[in-house]
Amino acid sequence: MIIRICTEDVNPVETRRLLNRFFNCYTIHRGDGSWNGTEEPSITIDLAILEGGTPADRMLALATECAGEIKIQNHQEAVLLQVIDSINTLI
């Protein structure tokens, strides 16, 4: 499983602080997005659920809490949280 948080990239230092508080591994992808017709810089945060790691239900609860805090911190109307079924293996 991959959990993905998509948000506006307006406060990168504080966003990383939040991510580091909740998770010890993540990947940030930077890009351009649009919300209600307004273009904005955006980030996508990927959290991979690995066998033997934190259970998926616990990771989803942490991601939901983290996304909510990012939403408040960035004064956003919404933050997208996605759950993607996948098999993740470290090689």
C-alpha atoms as a PDB file:
ATOM      1  CA  MET A   1       0.000   0.000   0.000  1.00  0.00           C
ATOM      2  CA  ILE A   2       1.077   3.548  -0.686  1.00  0.00           C
ATOM      3  CA  ILE A   3      -0.502   6.434   1.164  1.00  0.00           C
ATOM      4  CA  ARG A   4      -0.274   9.750  -0.645  1.00  0.00           C
ATOM      5  CA  ILE A   5      -0.864  13.269   0.661  1.00  0.00           C
ATOM      6  CA  CYS A   6      -1.300  16.013  -1.963  1.00  0.00           C
ATOM      7  CA  THR A   7      -1.094  19.611  -0.793  1.00  0.00           C
ATOM      8  CA  GLU A   8      -0.063  23.132  -1.721  1.00  0.00           C
ATOM      9  CA  ASP A   9       3.664  23.809  -1.302  1.00  0.00           C
ATOM     10  CA  VAL A  10       3.473  27.006   0.744  1.00  0.00           C
ATOM     11  CA  ASN A  11       5.333  26.168   3.941  1.00  0.00           C
ATOM     12  CA  PRO A  12       8.051  23.596   3.167  1.00  0.00           C
ATOM     13  CA  VAL A  13      10.040  23.911   6.410  1.00  0.00           C
ATOM     14  CA  GLU A  14       6.997  23.396   8.629  1.00  0.00           C
ATOM     15  CA  THR A  15       5.625  20.647   6.376  1.00  0.00           C
ATOM     16  CA  ARG A  16       8.900  18.706   6.719  1.00  0.00           C
ATOM     17  CA  ARG A  17       8.810  19.271  10.477  1.00  0.00           C
ATOM     18  CA  LEU A  18       5.341  17.705  10.602  1.00  0.00           C
ATOM     19  CA  LEU A  19       6.354  14.808   8.360  1.00  0.00           C
ATOM     20  CA  ASN A  20       9.425  14.103  10.488  1.00  0.00           C
ATOM     21  CA  ARG A  21       7.247  14.090  13.600  1.00  0.00           C
ATOM     22  CA  PHE A  22       4.907  11.459  12.135  1.00  0.00           C
ATOM     23  CA  PHE A  23       7.151   9.352   9.859  1.00  0.00           C
ATOM     24  CA  ASN A  24      10.748   8.192   9.510  1.00  0.00           C
ATOM     25  CA  CYS A  25      10.501   7.544   5.738  1.00  0.00           C
ATOM     26  CA  TYR A  26       8.730   9.489   2.995  1.00  0.00           C
ATOM     27  CA  THR A  27       9.276  10.915  -0.490  1.00  0.00           C
ATOM     28  CA  ILE A  28       8.243  14.417  -1.600  1.00  0.00           C
ATOM     29  CA  HIS A  29       7.513  15.147  -5.267  1.00  0.00           C
ATOM     30  CA  ARG A  30       7.232  18.821  -6.258  1.00  0.00           C
ATOM     31  CA  GLY A  31       5.011  20.027  -9.068  1.00  0.00           C
ATOM     32  CA  ASP A  32       2.431  22.503 -10.237  1.00  0.00           C
ATOM     33  CA  GLY A  33      -1.243  22.156  -9.466  1.00  0.00           C
ATOM     34  CA  SER A  34      -4.523  23.997  -9.696  1.00  0.00           C
ATOM     35  CA  TRP A  35      -7.287  24.461  -7.144  1.00  0.00           C
ATOM     36  CA  ASN A  36     -10.569  26.024  -8.238  1.00  0.00           C
ATOM     37  CA  GLY A  37      -8.896  27.523 -11.303  1.00  0.00           C
ATOM     38  CA  THR A  38      -5.941  29.021  -9.419  1.00  0.00           C
ATOM     39  CA  GLU A  39      -2.505  27.618 -10.235  1.00  0.00           C
ATOM     40  CA  GLU A  40      -0.251  26.862  -7.274  1.00  0.00           C
ATOM     41  CA  PRO A  41       2.968  25.038  -6.435  1.00  0.00           C
ATOM     42  CA  SER A  42       2.171  21.624  -5.013  1.00  0.00           C
ATOM     43  CA  ILE A  43       3.783  18.638  -3.345  1.00  0.00           C
ATOM     44  CA  THR A  44       2.861  14.981  -3.276  1.00  0.00           C
ATOM     45  CA  ILE A  45       4.090  13.021  -0.277  1.00  0.00           C
ATOM     46  CA  ASP A  46       4.397   9.244  -0.719  1.00  0.00           C
ATOM     47  CA  LEU A  47       4.417   6.899   2.276  1.00  0.00           C
ATOM     48  CA  ALA A  48       5.128   3.252   1.432  1.00  0.00           C
ATOM     49  CA  ILE A  49       3.822   0.520   3.714  1.00  0.00           C
ATOM     50  CA  LEU A  50       6.496  -2.180   3.934  1.00  0.00           C
ATOM     51  CA  GLU A  51       6.195  -5.751   5.218  1.00  0.00           C
ATOM     52  CA  GLY A  52       7.389  -5.917   8.792  1.00  0.00           C
ATOM     53  CA  GLY A  53       7.008  -2.157   9.207  1.00  0.00           C
ATOM     54  CA  THR A  54       4.292  -0.097  10.826  1.00  0.00           C
ATOM     55  CA  PRO A  55       0.896  -1.766  10.236  1.00  0.00           C
ATOM     56  CA  ALA A  56      -1.162  -0.265   7.407  1.00  0.00           C
ATOM     57  CA  ASP A  57      -4.075   0.784   9.630  1.00  0.00           C
ATOM     58  CA  ARG A  58      -1.702   2.646  11.964  1.00  0.00           C
ATOM     59  CA  MET A  59       0.054   4.348   9.011  1.00  0.00           C
ATOM     60  CA  LEU A  60      -3.310   5.429   7.599  1.00  0.00           C
ATOM     61  CA  ALA A  61      -4.321   6.901  10.968  1.00  0.00           C
ATOM     62  CA  LEU A  62      -0.996   8.781  11.200  1.00  0.00           C
ATOM     63  CA  ALA A  63      -1.296  10.017   7.599  1.00  0.00           C
ATOM     64  CA  THR A  64      -4.848  11.238   8.216  1.00  0.00           C
ATOM     65  CA  GLU A  65      -3.744  13.140  11.314  1.00  0.00           C
ATOM     66  CA  CYS A  66      -0.692  14.567   9.523  1.00  0.00           C
ATOM     67  CA  ALA A  67      -2.764  15.660   6.494  1.00  0.00           C
ATOM     68  CA  GLY A  68      -5.188  17.413   8.834  1.00  0.00           C
ATOM     69  CA  GLU A  69      -2.341  19.284  10.507  1.00  0.00           C
ATOM     70  CA  ILE A  70      -0.882  20.275   7.111  1.00  0.00           C
ATOM     71  CA  LYS A  71      -4.330  21.580   6.097  1.00  0.00           C
ATOM     72  CA  ILE A  72      -4.523  23.770   9.212  1.00  0.00           C
ATOM     73  CA  GLN A  73      -0.889  24.908   8.960  1.00  0.00           C
ATOM     74  CA  ASN A  74      -1.270  25.938   5.309  1.00  0.00           C
ATOM     75  CA  HIS A  75      -4.749  27.479   5.757  1.00  0.00           C
ATOM     76  CA  GLN A  76      -6.149  25.184   3.061  1.00  0.00           C
ATOM     77  CA  GLU A  77      -9.722  24.326   2.238  1.00  0.00           C
ATOM     78  CA  ALA A  78      -8.740  20.680   1.624  1.00  0.00           C
ATOM     79  CA  VAL A  79      -5.780  18.309   1.430  1.00  0.00           C
ATOM     80  CA  LEU A  80      -6.059  15.142  -0.684  1.00  0.00           C
ATOM     81  CA  LEU A  81      -5.335  11.798   0.994  1.00  0.00           C
ATOM     82  CA  GLN A  82      -5.084   8.757  -1.291  1.00  0.00           C
ATOM     83  CA  VAL A  83      -4.677   5.070  -0.448  1.00  0.00           C
ATOM     84  CA  ILE A  84      -3.210   3.043  -3.308  1.00  0.00           C
ATOM     85  CA  ASP A  85      -3.106  -0.760  -3.238  1.00  0.00           C
ATOM     86  CA  SER A  86       0.423  -1.921  -4.080  1.00  0.00           C
ATOM     87  CA  ILE A  87       3.190  -4.352  -3.178  1.00  0.00           C
ATOM     88  CA  ASN A  88       6.279  -2.574  -1.842  1.00  0.00           C
ATOM     89  CA  THR A  89       9.641  -4.319  -1.497  1.00  0.00           C
ATOM     90  CA  LEU A  90      13.031  -2.878  -0.605  1.00  0.00           C
ATOM     91  CA  ILE A  91      15.771  -4.335  -2.804  1.00  0.00           C
END
